[in-house]
PDB file of all heavy atoms in Angstrom:
ATOM      1  N   GLN A   1       2.236   5.277  -9.247  1.00  0.00           N
ATOM      2  CA  GLN A   1       1.473   6.488  -8.927  1.00  0.00           C
ATOM      3  C   GLN A   1       1.424   6.778  -7.430  1.00  0.00           C
ATOM      4  O   GLN A   1       1.643   7.918  -6.995  1.00  0.00           O
ATOM      5  CB  GLN A   1       0.048   6.368  -9.474  1.00  0.00           C
ATOM      6  CG  GLN A   1      -0.798   7.613  -9.284  1.00  0.00           C
ATOM      7  CD  GLN A   1      -2.252   7.375  -9.659  1.00  0.00           C
ATOM      8  OE1 GLN A   1      -3.066   7.024  -8.811  1.00  0.00           O
ATOM      9  NE2 GLN A   1      -2.584   7.548 -10.933  1.00  0.00           N
ATOM     10  N   ARG A   2       1.127   5.780  -6.619  1.00  0.00           N
ATOM     11  CA  ARG A   2       1.035   6.007  -5.170  1.00  0.00           C
ATOM     12  C   ARG A   2       2.368   6.479  -4.607  1.00  0.00           C
ATOM     13  O   ARG A   2       2.422   7.363  -3.742  1.00  0.00           O
ATOM     14  CB  ARG A   2       0.585   4.730  -4.459  1.00  0.00           C
ATOM     15  CG  ARG A   2      -0.875   4.394  -4.662  1.00  0.00           C
ATOM     16  CD  ARG A   2      -1.298   3.243  -3.771  1.00  0.00           C
ATOM     17  NE  ARG A   2      -2.706   2.929  -3.911  1.00  0.00           N
ATOM     18  CZ  ARG A   2      -3.337   1.992  -3.228  1.00  0.00           C
ATOM     19  NH1 ARG A   2      -2.676   1.277  -2.320  1.00  0.00           N
ATOM     20  NH2 ARG A   2      -4.622   1.764  -3.420  1.00  0.00           N
ATOM     21  N   ARG A   3       3.441   5.907  -5.093  1.00  0.00           N
ATOM     22  CA  ARG A   3       4.773   6.301  -4.620  1.00  0.00           C
ATOM     23  C   ARG A   3       5.062   7.753  -5.006  1.00  0.00           C
ATOM     24  O   ARG A   3       5.599   8.521  -4.197  1.00  0.00           O
ATOM     25  CB  ARG A   3       5.821   5.368  -5.221  1.00  0.00           C
ATOM     26  CG  ARG A   3       7.238   5.639  -4.743  1.00  0.00           C
ATOM     27  CD  ARG A   3       8.224   4.745  -5.449  1.00  0.00           C
ATOM     28  NE  ARG A   3       9.601   5.112  -5.157  1.00  0.00           N
ATOM     29  CZ  ARG A   3      10.642   4.747  -5.901  1.00  0.00           C
ATOM     30  NH1 ARG A   3      10.451   3.979  -6.973  1.00  0.00           N
ATOM     31  NH2 ARG A   3      11.866   5.133  -5.576  1.00  0.00           N
ATOM     32  N   ILE A   4       4.688   8.128  -6.215  1.00  0.00           N
ATOM     33  CA  ILE A   4       4.896   9.512  -6.665  1.00  0.00           C
ATOM     34  C   ILE A   4       4.106  10.476  -5.794  1.00  0.00           C
ATOM     35  O   ILE A   4       4.632  11.480  -5.298  1.00  0.00           O
ATOM     36  CB  ILE A   4       4.483   9.666  -8.141  1.00  0.00           C
ATOM     37  CG1 ILE A   4       5.423   8.871  -9.055  1.00  0.00           C
ATOM     38  CG2 ILE A   4       4.489  11.138  -8.554  1.00  0.00           C
ATOM     39  CD1 ILE A   4       4.930   8.767 -10.492  1.00  0.00           C
ATOM     40  N   LEU A   5       2.823  10.186  -5.599  1.00  0.00           N
ATOM     41  CA  LEU A   5       1.961  11.088  -4.839  1.00  0.00           C
ATOM     42  C   LEU A   5       2.378  11.174  -3.369  1.00  0.00           C
ATOM     43  O   LEU A   5       2.361  12.260  -2.777  1.00  0.00           O
ATOM     44  CB  LEU A   5       0.507  10.640  -4.956  1.00  0.00           C
ATOM     45  CG  LEU A   5      -0.121  10.790  -6.350  1.00  0.00           C
ATOM     46  CD1 LEU A   5      -1.503  10.145  -6.382  1.00  0.00           C
ATOM     47  CD2 LEU A   5      -0.205  12.255  -6.750  1.00  0.00           C
ATOM     48  N   SER A   6       2.733  10.040  -2.786  1.00  0.00           N
ATOM     49  CA  SER A   6       3.132  10.057  -1.378  1.00  0.00           C
ATOM     50  C   SER A   6       4.451  10.812  -1.195  1.00  0.00           C
ATOM     51  O   SER A   6       4.636  11.518  -0.194  1.00  0.00           O
ATOM     52  CB  SER A   6       3.261   8.632  -0.838  1.00  0.00           C
ATOM     53  OG  SER A   6       4.268   7.911  -1.515  1.00  0.00           O
ATOM     54  N   THR A   7       5.354  10.680  -2.165  1.00  0.00           N
ATOM     55  CA  THR A   7       6.616  11.413  -2.095  1.00  0.00           C
ATOM     56  C   THR A   7       6.371  12.911  -2.226  1.00  0.00           C
ATOM     57  O   THR A   7       6.988  13.722  -1.521  1.00  0.00           O
ATOM     58  CB  THR A   7       7.577  10.944  -3.197  1.00  0.00           C
ATOM     59  OG1 THR A   7       7.814   9.538  -3.064  1.00  0.00           O
ATOM     60  CG2 THR A   7       8.909  11.681  -3.116  1.00  0.00           C
ATOM     61  N   MET A   8       5.464  13.284  -3.109  1.00  0.00           N
ATOM     62  CA  MET A   8       5.121  14.696  -3.274  1.00  0.00           C
ATOM     63  C   MET A   8       4.507  15.249  -1.989  1.00  0.00           C
ATOM     64  O   MET A   8       4.871  16.336  -1.536  1.00  0.00           O
ATOM     65  CB  MET A   8       4.149  14.873  -4.437  1.00  0.00           C
ATOM     66  CG  MET A   8       3.773  16.332  -4.705  1.00  0.00           C
ATOM     67  SD  MET A   8       2.464  16.524  -5.941  1.00  0.00           S
ATOM     68  CE  MET A   8       1.047  15.966  -4.980  1.00  0.00           C
ATOM     69  N   GLN A   9       3.589  14.497  -1.392  1.00  0.00           N
ATOM     70  CA  GLN A   9       2.935  14.951  -0.168  1.00  0.00           C
ATOM     71  C   GLN A   9       3.929  15.085   0.989  1.00  0.00           C
ATOM     72  O   GLN A   9       3.770  15.943   1.861  1.00  0.00           O
ATOM     73  CB  GLN A   9       1.810  13.989   0.197  1.00  0.00           C
ATOM     74  CG  GLN A   9       0.639  14.028  -0.780  1.00  0.00           C
ATOM     75  CD  GLN A   9      -0.328  12.875  -0.593  1.00  0.00           C
ATOM     76  OE1 GLN A   9      -0.094  11.970   0.205  1.00  0.00           O
ATOM     77  NE2 GLN A   9      -1.424  12.896  -1.340  1.00  0.00           N
ATOM     78  N   ALA A  10       4.960  14.231   0.963  1.00  0.00           N
ATOM     79  CA  ALA A  10       5.984  14.292   2.014  1.00  0.00           C
ATOM     80  C   ALA A  10       7.082  15.289   1.682  1.00  0.00           C
ATOM     81  O   ALA A  10       8.058  15.415   2.435  1.00  0.00           O
ATOM     82  CB  ALA A  10       6.597  12.904   2.215  1.00  0.00           C
ATOM     83  N   GLN A  11       6.914  15.998   0.553  1.00  0.00           N
ATOM     84  CA  GLN A  11       7.893  16.972   0.085  1.00  0.00           C
ATOM     85  C   GLN A  11       9.260  16.330  -0.125  1.00  0.00           C
ATOM     86  O   GLN A  11      10.306  16.931   0.162  1.00  0.00           O
ATOM     87  CB  GLN A  11       7.987  18.164   1.047  1.00  0.00           C
ATOM     88  CG  GLN A  11       6.667  18.927   1.181  1.00  0.00           C
ATOM     89  CD  GLN A  11       6.775  20.154   2.077  1.00  0.00           C
ATOM     90  OE1 GLN A  11       7.665  20.238   2.918  1.00  0.00           O
ATOM     91  NE2 GLN A  11       5.876  21.104   1.886  1.00  0.00           N
ATOM     92  N   GLY A  12       9.216  15.103  -0.649  1.00  0.00           N
ATOM     93  CA  GLY A  12      10.447  14.388  -0.936  1.00  0.00           C
ATOM     94  C   GLY A  12      10.935  14.639  -2.348  1.00  0.00           C
ATOM     95  O   GLY A  12      10.461  15.534  -3.042  1.00  0.00           O
ATOM     96  N   ASP A  13      11.892  13.827  -2.774  1.00  0.00           N
ATOM     97  CA  ASP A  13      12.522  13.986  -4.090  1.00  0.00           C
ATOM     98  C   ASP A  13      11.688  13.257  -5.143  1.00  0.00           C
ATOM     99  O   ASP A  13      11.938  12.093  -5.463  1.00  0.00           O
ATOM    100  CB  ASP A  13      13.946  13.442  -4.054  1.00  0.00           C
ATOM    101  CG  ASP A  13      14.746  13.793  -5.312  1.00  0.00           C
ATOM    102  OD1 ASP A  13      14.125  14.235  -6.300  1.00  0.00           O
ATOM    103  OD2 ASP A  13      15.969  13.612  -5.290  1.00  0.00           O
ATOM    104  N   VAL A  14      10.696  13.951  -5.695  1.00  0.00           N
ATOM    105  CA  VAL A  14       9.799  13.330  -6.674  1.00  0.00           C
ATOM    106  C   VAL A  14      10.542  12.990  -7.963  1.00  0.00           C
ATOM    107  O   VAL A  14      10.279  11.964  -8.593  1.00  0.00           O
ATOM    108  CB  VAL A  14       8.605  14.259  -6.971  1.00  0.00           C
ATOM    109  CG1 VAL A  14       7.687  13.637  -8.019  1.00  0.00           C
ATOM    110  CG2 VAL A  14       7.819  14.538  -5.705  1.00  0.00           C
ATOM    111  N   LEU A  15      11.475  13.849  -8.356  1.00  0.00           N
ATOM    112  CA  LEU A  15      12.223  13.598  -9.592  1.00  0.00           C
ATOM    113  C   LEU A  15      12.992  12.287  -9.499  1.00  0.00           C
ATOM    114  O   LEU A  15      13.070  11.538 -10.485  1.00  0.00           O
ATOM    115  CB  LEU A  15      13.176  14.752  -9.878  1.00  0.00           C
ATOM    116  CG  LEU A  15      13.998  14.638 -11.177  1.00  0.00           C
ATOM    117  CD1 LEU A  15      13.079  14.494 -12.388  1.00  0.00           C
ATOM    118  CD2 LEU A  15      14.917  15.845 -11.326  1.00  0.00           C
ATOM    119  N   ALA A  16      13.537  11.987  -8.324  1.00  0.00           N
ATOM    120  CA  ALA A  16      14.266  10.728  -8.143  1.00  0.00           C
ATOM    121  C   ALA A  16      13.331   9.537  -8.332  1.00  0.00           C
ATOM    122  O   ALA A  16      13.740   8.496  -8.876  1.00  0.00           O
ATOM    123  CB  ALA A  16      14.901  10.675  -6.752  1.00  0.00           C
ATOM    124  N   VAL A  17      12.081   9.674  -7.908  1.00  0.00           N
ATOM    125  CA  VAL A  17      11.096   8.602  -8.093  1.00  0.00           C
ATOM    126  C   VAL A  17      10.821   8.402  -9.579  1.00  0.00           C
ATOM    127  O   VAL A  17      10.785   7.269 -10.076  1.00  0.00           O
ATOM    128  CB  VAL A  17       9.787   8.921  -7.342  1.00  0.00           C
ATOM    129  CG1 VAL A  17       8.749   7.823  -7.601  1.00  0.00           C
ATOM    130  CG2 VAL A  17      10.048   9.060  -5.852  1.00  0.00           C
ATOM    131  N   TYR A  18      10.637   9.495 -10.306  1.00  0.00           N
ATOM    132  CA  TYR A  18      10.433   9.387 -11.749  1.00  0.00           C
ATOM    133  C   TYR A  18      11.634   8.734 -12.424  1.00  0.00           C
ATOM    134  O   TYR A  18      11.480   7.909 -13.334  1.00  0.00           O
ATOM    135  CB  TYR A  18      10.179  10.766 -12.362  1.00  0.00           C
ATOM    136  CG  TYR A  18       8.756  11.244 -12.253  1.00  0.00           C
ATOM    137  CD1 TYR A  18       8.410  12.264 -11.367  1.00  0.00           C
ATOM    138  CD2 TYR A  18       7.751  10.674 -13.028  1.00  0.00           C
ATOM    139  CE1 TYR A  18       7.101  12.701 -11.254  1.00  0.00           C
ATOM    140  CE2 TYR A  18       6.437  11.112 -12.922  1.00  0.00           C
ATOM    141  CZ  TYR A  18       6.122  12.120 -12.034  1.00  0.00           C
ATOM    142  OH  TYR A  18       4.811  12.544 -11.931  1.00  0.00           O
ATOM    143  N   ASN A  19      12.835   9.101 -11.986  1.00  0.00           N
ATOM    144  CA  ASN A  19      14.037   8.500 -12.570  1.00  0.00           C
ATOM    145  C   ASN A  19      14.044   6.988 -12.378  1.00  0.00           C
ATOM    146  O   ASN A  19      14.401   6.232 -13.296  1.00  0.00           O
ATOM    147  CB  ASN A  19      15.291   9.115 -11.948  1.00  0.00           C
ATOM    148  CG  ASN A  19      15.559  10.530 -12.447  1.00  0.00           C
ATOM    149  OD1 ASN A  19      15.194  10.885 -13.562  1.00  0.00           O
ATOM    150  ND2 ASN A  19      16.193  11.346 -11.615  1.00  0.00           N
ATOM    151  N   ASP A  20      13.648   6.537 -11.201  1.00  0.00           N
ATOM    152  CA  ASP A  20      13.587   5.097 -10.939  1.00  0.00           C
ATOM    153  C   ASP A  20      12.550   4.418 -11.836  1.00  0.00           C
ATOM    154  O   ASP A  20      12.776   3.309 -12.342  1.00  0.00           O
ATOM    155  CB  ASP A  20      13.220   4.841  -9.470  1.00  0.00           C
ATOM    156  CG  ASP A  20      14.362   5.141  -8.516  1.00  0.00           C
ATOM    157  OD1 ASP A  20      15.511   5.276  -8.982  1.00  0.00           O
ATOM    158  OD2 ASP A  20      14.100   5.249  -7.294  1.00  0.00           O
ATOM    159  N   ILE A  21      11.423   5.085 -12.033  1.00  0.00           N
ATOM    160  CA  ILE A  21      10.330   4.492 -12.800  1.00  0.00           C
ATOM    161  C   ILE A  21      10.685   4.339 -14.271  1.00  0.00           C
ATOM    162  O   ILE A  21      10.375   3.317 -14.895  1.00  0.00           O
ATOM    163  CB  ILE A  21       9.050   5.340 -12.628  1.00  0.00           C
ATOM    164  CG1 ILE A  21       8.489   5.173 -11.208  1.00  0.00           C
ATOM    165  CG2 ILE A  21       7.990   4.953 -13.664  1.00  0.00           C
ATOM    166  CD1 ILE A  21       7.343   6.103 -10.881  1.00  0.00           C
ATOM    167  N   VAL A  22      11.338   5.356 -14.848  1.00  0.00           N
ATOM    168  CA  VAL A  22      11.595   5.336 -16.298  1.00  0.00           C
ATOM    169  C   VAL A  22      12.922   4.681 -16.669  1.00  0.00           C
ATOM    170  O   VAL A  22      13.153   4.385 -17.841  1.00  0.00           O
ATOM    171  CB  VAL A  22      11.544   6.762 -16.882  1.00  0.00           C
ATOM    172  CG1 VAL A  22      10.202   7.407 -16.593  1.00  0.00           C
ATOM    173  CG2 VAL A  22      12.686   7.634 -16.353  1.00  0.00           C
ATOM    174  N   ALA A  23      13.776   4.429 -15.701  1.00  0.00           N
ATOM    175  CA  ALA A  23      15.097   3.862 -15.995  1.00  0.00           C
ATOM    176  C   ALA A  23      15.035   2.548 -16.771  1.00  0.00           C
ATOM    177  O   ALA A  23      15.807   2.349 -17.716  1.00  0.00           O
ATOM    178  CB  ALA A  23      15.892   3.685 -14.709  1.00  0.00           C
ATOM    179  N   PRO A  24      14.124   1.604 -16.417  1.00  0.00           N
ATOM    180  CA  PRO A  24      14.083   0.339 -17.167  1.00  0.00           C
ATOM    181  C   PRO A  24      13.765   0.522 -18.650  1.00  0.00           C
ATOM    182  O   PRO A  24      14.065  -0.370 -19.458  1.00  0.00           O
ATOM    183  CB  PRO A  24      12.961  -0.442 -16.468  1.00  0.00           C
ATOM    184  CG  PRO A  24      12.936   0.104 -15.085  1.00  0.00           C
ATOM    185  CD  PRO A  24      13.220   1.572 -15.245  1.00  0.00           C
ATOM    186  N   ALA A  25      13.181   1.643 -19.033  1.00  0.00           N
ATOM    187  CA  ALA A  25      12.865   1.901 -20.440  1.00  0.00           C
ATOM    188  C   ALA A  25      14.026   2.580 -21.161  1.00  0.00           C
ATOM    189  O   ALA A  25      13.900   2.935 -22.342  1.00  0.00           O
ATOM    190  CB  ALA A  25      11.612   2.766 -20.548  1.00  0.00           C
ATOM    191  N   GLY A  26      15.149   2.762 -20.455  1.00  0.00           N
ATOM    192  CA  GLY A  26      16.330   3.331 -21.091  1.00  0.00           C
ATOM    193  C   GLY A  26      16.455   4.833 -20.983  1.00  0.00           C
ATOM    194  O   GLY A  26      17.337   5.426 -21.606  1.00  0.00           O
ATOM    195  N   LEU A  27      15.587   5.469 -20.196  1.00  0.00           N
ATOM    196  CA  LEU A  27      15.655   6.922 -20.023  1.00  0.00           C
ATOM    197  C   LEU A  27      16.614   7.263 -18.881  1.00  0.00           C
ATOM    198  O   LEU A  27      16.429   6.811 -17.752  1.00  0.00           O
ATOM    199  CB  LEU A  27      14.279   7.496 -19.707  1.00  0.00           C
ATOM    200  CG  LEU A  27      13.433   7.990 -20.880  1.00  0.00           C
ATOM    201  CD1 LEU A  27      12.080   8.488 -20.374  1.00  0.00           C
ATOM    202  CD2 LEU A  27      14.144   9.095 -21.637  1.00  0.00           C
ATOM    203  N   THR A  28      17.631   8.057 -19.175  1.00  0.00           N
ATOM    204  CA  THR A  28      18.565   8.480 -18.140  1.00  0.00           C
ATOM    205  C   THR A  28      17.997   9.676 -17.386  1.00  0.00           C
ATOM    206  O   THR A  28      17.123  10.395 -17.899  1.00  0.00           O
ATOM    207  CB  THR A  28      19.910   8.881 -18.761  1.00  0.00           C
ATOM    208  OG1 THR A  28      19.710  10.049 -19.586  1.00  0.00           O
ATOM    209  CG2 THR A  28      20.477   7.743 -19.608  1.00  0.00           C
ATOM    210  N   PRO A  29      18.489   9.936 -16.179  1.00  0.00           N
ATOM    211  CA  PRO A  29      18.040  11.127 -15.449  1.00  0.00           C
ATOM    212  C   PRO A  29      18.259  12.415 -16.238  1.00  0.00           C
ATOM    213  O   PRO A  29      17.425  13.326 -16.204  1.00  0.00           O
ATOM    214  CB  PRO A  29      18.884  11.102 -14.174  1.00  0.00           C
ATOM    215  CG  PRO A  29      19.190   9.646 -13.965  1.00  0.00           C
ATOM    216  CD  PRO A  29      19.379   9.096 -15.355  1.00  0.00           C
ATOM    217  N   GLU A  30      19.369  12.468 -16.966  1.00  0.00           N
ATOM    218  CA  GLU A  30      19.671  13.662 -17.754  1.00  0.00           C
ATOM    219  C   GLU A  30      18.664  13.844 -18.879  1.00  0.00           C
ATOM    220  O   GLU A  30      18.175  14.962 -19.122  1.00  0.00           O
ATOM    221  CB  GLU A  30      21.093  13.576 -18.324  1.00  0.00           C
ATOM    222  CG  GLU A  30      22.207  13.601 -17.297  1.00  0.00           C
ATOM    223  CD  GLU A  30      22.396  12.273 -16.566  1.00  0.00           C
ATOM    224  OE1 GLU A  30      21.873  11.247 -17.054  1.00  0.00           O
ATOM    225  OE2 GLU A  30      23.064  12.260 -15.518  1.00  0.00           O
ATOM    226  N   ALA A  31      18.335  12.755 -19.561  1.00  0.00           N
ATOM    227  CA  ALA A  31      17.391  12.834 -20.670  1.00  0.00           C
ATOM    228  C   ALA A  31      15.995  13.214 -20.179  1.00  0.00           C
ATOM    229  O   ALA A  31      15.297  14.021 -20.806  1.00  0.00           O
ATOM    230  CB  ALA A  31      17.338  11.503 -21.418  1.00  0.00           C
ATOM    231  N   LEU A  32      15.581  12.646 -19.052  1.00  0.00           N
ATOM    232  CA  LEU A  32      14.263  12.957 -18.507  1.00  0.00           C
ATOM    233  C   LEU A  32      14.183  14.425 -18.103  1.00  0.00           C
ATOM    234  O   LEU A  32      13.179  15.105 -18.381  1.00  0.00           O
ATOM    235  CB  LEU A  32      13.956  12.073 -17.307  1.00  0.00           C
ATOM    236  CG  LEU A  32      12.615  12.341 -16.616  1.00  0.00           C
ATOM    237  CD1 LEU A  32      11.447  12.137 -17.581  1.00  0.00           C
ATOM    238  CD2 LEU A  32      12.446  11.457 -15.384  1.00  0.00           C
ATOM    239  N   LEU A  33      15.233  14.940 -17.464  1.00  0.00           N
ATOM    240  CA  LEU A  33      15.233  16.331 -17.030  1.00  0.00           C
ATOM    241  C   LEU A  33      15.132  17.268 -18.226  1.00  0.00           C
ATOM    242  O   LEU A  33      14.410  18.275 -18.181  1.00  0.00           O
ATOM    243  CB  LEU A  33      16.494  16.631 -16.221  1.00  0.00           C
ATOM    244  CG  LEU A  33      16.562  18.034 -15.593  1.00  0.00           C
ATOM    245  CD1 LEU A  33      15.395  18.255 -14.628  1.00  0.00           C
ATOM    246  CD2 LEU A  33      17.900  18.238 -14.873  1.00  0.00           C
ATOM    247  N   VAL A  34      15.836  16.938 -19.304  1.00  0.00           N
ATOM    248  CA  VAL A  34      15.761  17.756 -20.515  1.00  0.00           C
ATOM    249  C   VAL A  34      14.326  17.790 -21.031  1.00  0.00           C
ATOM    250  O   VAL A  34      13.817  18.851 -21.405  1.00  0.00           O
ATOM    251  CB  VAL A  34      16.709  17.210 -21.600  1.00  0.00           C
ATOM    252  CG1 VAL A  34      16.414  17.858 -22.958  1.00  0.00           C
ATOM    253  CG2 VAL A  34      18.160  17.469 -21.219  1.00  0.00           C
ATOM    254  N   CYS A  35      13.668  16.645 -21.046  1.00  0.00           N
ATOM    255  CA  CYS A  35      12.286  16.590 -21.525  1.00  0.00           C
ATOM    256  C   CYS A  35      11.358  17.395 -20.628  1.00  0.00           C
ATOM    257  O   CYS A  35      10.500  18.149 -21.102  1.00  0.00           O
ATOM    258  CB  CYS A  35      11.809  15.138 -21.593  1.00  0.00           C
ATOM    259  SG  CYS A  35      12.526  14.174 -22.941  1.00  0.00           S
ATOM    260  N   LEU A  36      11.505  17.241 -19.311  1.00  0.00           N
ATOM    261  CA  LEU A  36      10.623  17.934 -18.376  1.00  0.00           C
ATOM    262  C   LEU A  36      10.776  19.446 -18.460  1.00  0.00           C
ATOM    263  O   LEU A  36       9.829  20.190 -18.198  1.00  0.00           O
ATOM    264  CB  LEU A  36      10.897  17.457 -16.948  1.00  0.00           C
ATOM    265  CG  LEU A  36      10.491  16.012 -16.625  1.00  0.00           C
ATOM    266  CD1 LEU A  36      10.994  15.620 -15.248  1.00  0.00           C
ATOM    267  CD2 LEU A  36       8.977  15.835 -16.702  1.00  0.00           C
ATOM    268  N   GLN A  37      11.969  19.901 -18.837  1.00  0.00           N
ATOM    269  CA  GLN A  37      12.227  21.333 -18.922  1.00  0.00           C
ATOM    270  C   GLN A  37      12.036  21.897 -20.322  1.00  0.00           C
ATOM    271  O   GLN A  37      12.191  23.102 -20.522  1.00  0.00           O
ATOM    272  CB  GLN A  37      13.656  21.629 -18.440  1.00  0.00           C
ATOM    273  CG  GLN A  37      13.877  21.332 -16.956  1.00  0.00           C
ATOM    274  CD  GLN A  37      15.303  21.578 -16.507  1.00  0.00           C
ATOM    275  OE1 GLN A  37      16.239  21.595 -17.311  1.00  0.00           O
ATOM    276  NE2 GLN A  37      15.487  21.800 -15.212  1.00  0.00           N
ATOM    277  N   ASP A  38      11.685  21.048 -21.266  1.00  0.00           N
ATOM    278  CA  ASP A  38      11.534  21.463 -22.666  1.00  0.00           C
ATOM    279  C   ASP A  38      10.193  22.191 -22.849  1.00  0.00           C
ATOM    280  O   ASP A  38       9.129  21.585 -22.675  1.00  0.00           O
ATOM    281  CB  ASP A  38      11.598  20.237 -23.567  1.00  0.00           C
ATOM    282  CG  ASP A  38      11.535  20.593 -25.045  1.00  0.00           C
ATOM    283  OD1 ASP A  38      11.323  21.776 -25.377  1.00  0.00           O
ATOM    284  OD2 ASP A  38      11.694  19.677 -25.874  1.00  0.00           O
ATOM    285  N   PRO A  39      10.209  23.474 -23.207  1.00  0.00           N
ATOM    286  CA  PRO A  39       8.953  24.207 -23.400  1.00  0.00           C
ATOM    287  C   PRO A  39       8.047  23.573 -24.451  1.00  0.00           C
ATOM    288  O   PRO A  39       6.819  23.569 -24.293  1.00  0.00           O
ATOM    289  CB  PRO A  39       9.421  25.600 -23.848  1.00  0.00           C
ATOM    290  CG  PRO A  39      10.812  25.725 -23.302  1.00  0.00           C
ATOM    291  CD  PRO A  39      11.387  24.340 -23.394  1.00  0.00           C
ATOM    292  N   ALA A  40       8.646  23.027 -25.503  1.00  0.00           N
ATOM    293  CA  ALA A  40       7.841  22.411 -26.565  1.00  0.00           C
ATOM    294  C   ALA A  40       7.103  21.187 -26.056  1.00  0.00           C
ATOM    295  O   ALA A  40       5.935  20.969 -26.394  1.00  0.00           O
ATOM    296  CB  ALA A  40       8.734  22.041 -27.749  1.00  0.00           C
ATOM    297  N   MET A  41       7.763  20.375 -25.218  1.00  0.00           N
ATOM    298  CA  MET A  41       7.113  19.184 -24.691  1.00  0.00           C
ATOM    299  C   MET A  41       6.034  19.554 -23.679  1.00  0.00           C
ATOM    300  O   MET A  41       4.992  18.894 -23.596  1.00  0.00           O
ATOM    301  CB  MET A  41       8.142  18.236 -24.066  1.00  0.00           C
ATOM    302  CG  MET A  41       9.100  17.645 -25.080  1.00  0.00           C
ATOM    303  SD  MET A  41       9.931  16.151 -24.488  1.00  0.00           S
ATOM    304  CE  MET A  41       8.596  14.958 -24.551  1.00  0.00           C
ATOM    305  N   ASN A  42       6.265  20.614 -22.919  1.00  0.00           N
ATOM    306  CA  ASN A  42       5.239  21.084 -21.994  1.00  0.00           C
ATOM    307  C   ASN A  42       4.020  21.605 -22.753  1.00  0.00           C
ATOM    308  O   ASN A  42       2.878  21.357 -22.365  1.00  0.00           O
ATOM    309  CB  ASN A  42       5.811  22.175 -21.084  1.00  0.00           C
ATOM    310  CG  ASN A  42       6.604  21.613 -19.915  1.00  0.00           C
ATOM    311  OD1 ASN A  42       6.059  21.376 -18.849  1.00  0.00           O
ATOM    312  ND2 ASN A  42       7.895  21.387 -20.126  1.00  0.00           N
ATOM    313  N   GLN A  43       4.271  22.301 -23.847  1.00  0.00           N
ATOM    314  CA  GLN A  43       3.165  22.784 -24.668  1.00  0.00           C
ATOM    315  C   GLN A  43       2.398  21.621 -25.289  1.00  0.00           C
ATOM    316  O   GLN A  43       1.164  21.628 -25.334  1.00  0.00           O
ATOM    317  CB  GLN A  43       3.677  23.709 -25.767  1.00  0.00           C
ATOM    318  CG  GLN A  43       2.572  24.260 -26.665  1.00  0.00           C
ATOM    319  CD  GLN A  43       3.102  25.219 -27.716  1.00  0.00           C
ATOM    320  OE1 GLN A  43       4.233  25.677 -27.649  1.00  0.00           O
ATOM    321  NE2 GLN A  43       2.280  25.525 -28.713  1.00  0.00           N
ATOM    322  N   GLN A  44       3.136  20.615 -25.749  1.00  0.00           N
ATOM    323  CA  GLN A  44       2.504  19.444 -26.345  1.00  0.00           C
ATOM    324  C   GLN A  44       1.624  18.722 -25.333  1.00  0.00           C
ATOM    325  O   GLN A  44       0.523  18.254 -25.669  1.00  0.00           O
ATOM    326  CB  GLN A  44       3.568  18.485 -26.885  1.00  0.00           C
ATOM    327  CG  GLN A  44       3.000  17.258 -27.570  1.00  0.00           C
ATOM    328  CD  GLN A  44       4.070  16.254 -27.957  1.00  0.00           C
ATOM    329  OE1 GLN A  44       4.906  15.878 -27.139  1.00  0.00           O
ATOM    330  NE2 GLN A  44       4.047  15.835 -29.214  1.00  0.00           N
TER     331      GLN A  44
END
C-alpha cells in the first residue's frame, strides 16, 4: 500500500507497481489491465 500511494503521489507508474504486486499470484500485466478496464468489474 505505501509503495502504491507514494508512487501515485510522485506521479509515477502506478500500474507497474500493481503488476509487480500481483505477479506472484499468476496475474500477467495483460490480464490485470483487462480487468481494470472491464466495465463489469468496475461496476462490481
